[in-house]
Each structure stands twice: as C-alpha cells, then as structure tokens.
C-alpha cells in the first residue's frame, strides 16, 4: 500500500505537468462545462414545470369579510379593526 504523501506527491506531479501544457489564453469551459450548464438548465426547467403544476392544483377561496358576516353596523366594524 502506498503512503498517502507519496500518492499525493505523484498526483501533484501529474497535475503540474498538465498545467504546463495548457495555454492560459486558450482555456475554455469545453464539453464538461456545457454538460454541467445543460444539466442545471434542465433541472431548473423541471422545477419550474413542477411548481406550475402544483400551483394549478391550489383551490383558493377568499375568506368572507368579517364586517359583512357579523351583522354589526358598518361603523362599529371599522372602529374595532382600527384599534
């Protein structure tokens, strides 16, 4: 079994040689960047579609105005709500 420091050193050696080959002026996201962006876009689209479906299922009915259902005179209901 390799020592952890030896394997880390080996990985850094390969990484350092790879970074020497890459031209910093020509680095682009490439295929991996496109795939990540496309997956994120599909996830957002699926979440929005699901949210729209769930919002469509909501049965919203407004509660009646308490001033209208209490039978009290209109001035009395307004005075009690302003306090």
C-alpha atoms as a PDB file:
ATOM      1  CA  UNK A   1       0.000   0.000   0.000  1.00  0.00           C
ATOM      2  CA  UNK A   2       1.325   3.392  -0.960  1.00  0.00           C
ATOM      3  CA  UNK A   3       1.893   6.066   1.610  1.00  0.00           C
ATOM      4  CA  UNK A   4      -0.612   8.962   1.344  1.00  0.00           C
ATOM      5  CA  UNK A   5       2.144  11.528   0.944  1.00  0.00           C
ATOM      6  CA  UNK A   6       3.648   9.523  -1.919  1.00  0.00           C
ATOM      7  CA  UNK A   7       0.331   9.297  -3.768  1.00  0.00           C
ATOM      8  CA  UNK A   8      -0.358  12.998  -3.172  1.00  0.00           C
ATOM      9  CA  UNK A   9       3.102  13.823  -4.477  1.00  0.00           C
ATOM     10  CA  UNK A  10       2.510  11.671  -7.551  1.00  0.00           C
ATOM     11  CA  UNK A  11      -0.836  13.383  -8.206  1.00  0.00           C
ATOM     12  CA  UNK A  12       0.706  16.830  -7.871  1.00  0.00           C
ATOM     13  CA  UNK A  13       3.478  15.841 -10.297  1.00  0.00           C
ATOM     14  CA  UNK A  14       0.925  14.827 -12.927  1.00  0.00           C
ATOM     15  CA  UNK A  15      -1.131  17.944 -12.262  1.00  0.00           C
ATOM     16  CA  UNK A  16       1.899  20.205 -12.574  1.00  0.00           C
ATOM     17  CA  UNK A  17       2.904  18.654 -15.902  1.00  0.00           C
ATOM     18  CA  UNK A  18      -0.670  19.048 -17.196  1.00  0.00           C
ATOM     19  CA  UNK A  19      -0.802  22.714 -16.187  1.00  0.00           C
ATOM     20  CA  UNK A  20       2.420  23.401 -18.088  1.00  0.00           C
ATOM     21  CA  UNK A  21       0.775  22.122 -21.315  1.00  0.00           C
ATOM     22  CA  UNK A  22      -2.372  24.285 -21.046  1.00  0.00           C
ATOM     23  CA  UNK A  23      -2.211  27.710 -22.652  1.00  0.00           C
ATOM     24  CA  UNK A  24      -3.941  30.113 -20.254  1.00  0.00           C
ATOM     25  CA  UNK A  25      -5.093  32.331 -23.140  1.00  0.00           C
ATOM     26  CA  UNK A  26      -6.990  29.494 -24.837  1.00  0.00           C
ATOM     27  CA  UNK A  27      -8.729  27.818 -21.911  1.00  0.00           C
ATOM     28  CA  UNK A  28     -12.465  27.317 -22.491  1.00  0.00           C
ATOM     29  CA  UNK A  29     -15.134  25.502 -20.475  1.00  0.00           C
ATOM     30  CA  UNK A  30     -15.284  22.762 -23.083  1.00  0.00           C
ATOM     31  CA  UNK A  31     -17.667  19.839 -23.168  1.00  0.00           C
ATOM     32  CA  UNK A  32     -17.764  19.361 -19.410  1.00  0.00           C
ATOM     33  CA  UNK A  33     -18.813  22.979 -18.876  1.00  0.00           C
ATOM     34  CA  UNK A  34     -21.573  22.600 -21.460  1.00  0.00           C
ATOM     35  CA  UNK A  35     -22.827  19.384 -19.871  1.00  0.00           C
ATOM     36  CA  UNK A  36     -22.931  20.950 -16.403  1.00  0.00           C
ATOM     37  CA  UNK A  37     -24.765  24.011 -17.744  1.00  0.00           C
ATOM     38  CA  UNK A  38     -27.240  21.863 -19.690  1.00  0.00           C
ATOM     39  CA  UNK A  39     -27.990  19.683 -16.644  1.00  0.00           C
ATOM     40  CA  UNK A  40     -28.565  22.766 -14.496  1.00  0.00           C
ATOM     41  CA  UNK A  41     -30.860  24.278 -17.147  1.00  0.00           C
ATOM     42  CA  UNK A  42     -32.885  21.047 -17.367  1.00  0.00           C
ATOM     43  CA  UNK A  43     -33.166  20.913 -13.572  1.00  0.00           C
ATOM     44  CA  UNK A  44     -34.471  24.492 -13.417  1.00  0.00           C
ATOM     45  CA  UNK A  45     -36.945  23.759 -16.225  1.00  0.00           C
ATOM     46  CA  UNK A  46     -38.211  20.625 -14.429  1.00  0.00           C
ATOM     47  CA  UNK A  47     -38.570  22.510 -11.133  1.00  0.00           C
ATOM     48  CA  UNK A  48     -40.489  25.340 -12.793  1.00  0.00           C
ATOM     49  CA  UNK A  49     -42.794  22.871 -14.546  1.00  0.00           C
ATOM     50  CA  UNK A  50     -43.445  21.049 -11.274  1.00  0.00           C
ATOM     51  CA  UNK A  51     -44.094  24.312  -9.433  1.00  0.00           C
ATOM     52  CA  UNK A  52     -46.536  25.429 -12.117  1.00  0.00           C
ATOM     53  CA  UNK A  53     -48.399  22.112 -11.821  1.00  0.00           C
ATOM     54  CA  UNK A  54     -48.565  22.375  -8.023  1.00  0.00           C
ATOM     55  CA  UNK A  55     -49.778  25.986  -8.164  1.00  0.00           C
ATOM     56  CA  UNK A  56     -52.514  24.940 -10.573  1.00  0.00           C
ATOM     57  CA  UNK A  57     -53.824  22.404  -8.052  1.00  0.00           C
ATOM     58  CA  UNK A  58     -54.407  25.017  -5.359  1.00  0.00           C
ATOM     59  CA  UNK A  59     -58.077  25.746  -4.721  1.00  0.00           C
ATOM     60  CA  UNK A  60     -58.101  29.275  -3.340  1.00  0.00           C
ATOM     61  CA  UNK A  61     -61.287  30.691  -1.900  1.00  0.00           C
ATOM     62  CA  UNK A  62     -61.223  34.038  -0.161  1.00  0.00           C
ATOM     63  CA  UNK A  63     -62.470  34.187   3.394  1.00  0.00           C
ATOM     64  CA  UNK A  64     -65.575  36.328   3.766  1.00  0.00           C
ATOM     65  CA  UNK A  65     -65.112  39.815   5.138  1.00  0.00           C
ATOM     66  CA  UNK A  66     -65.811  39.704   8.912  1.00  0.00           C
ATOM     67  CA  UNK A  67     -67.611  43.060   8.770  1.00  0.00           C
ATOM     68  CA  UNK A  68     -70.177  41.652   6.343  1.00  0.00           C
ATOM     69  CA  UNK A  69     -70.857  38.424   8.235  1.00  0.00           C
ATOM     70  CA  UNK A  70     -71.111  39.814  11.780  1.00  0.00           C
ATOM     71  CA  UNK A  71     -74.291  41.775  11.133  1.00  0.00           C
ATOM     72  CA  UNK A  72     -72.915  44.741  13.084  1.00  0.00           C
ATOM     73  CA  UNK A  73     -73.319  48.252  11.733  1.00  0.00           C
ATOM     74  CA  UNK A  74     -70.579  49.301   9.341  1.00  0.00           C
ATOM     75  CA  UNK A  75     -69.141  51.997  11.605  1.00  0.00           C
ATOM     76  CA  UNK A  76     -68.795  49.587  14.557  1.00  0.00           C
ATOM     77  CA  UNK A  77     -66.859  47.054  12.477  1.00  0.00           C
ATOM     78  CA  UNK A  78     -64.447  49.706  11.203  1.00  0.00           C
ATOM     79  CA  UNK A  79     -63.848  51.082  14.686  1.00  0.00           C
ATOM     80  CA  UNK A  80     -62.976  47.648  16.072  1.00  0.00           C
ATOM     81  CA  UNK A  81     -60.500  46.900  13.270  1.00  0.00           C
ATOM     82  CA  UNK A  82     -58.669  50.215  13.617  1.00  0.00           C
ATOM     83  CA  UNK A  83     -57.630  49.583  17.235  1.00  0.00           C
END
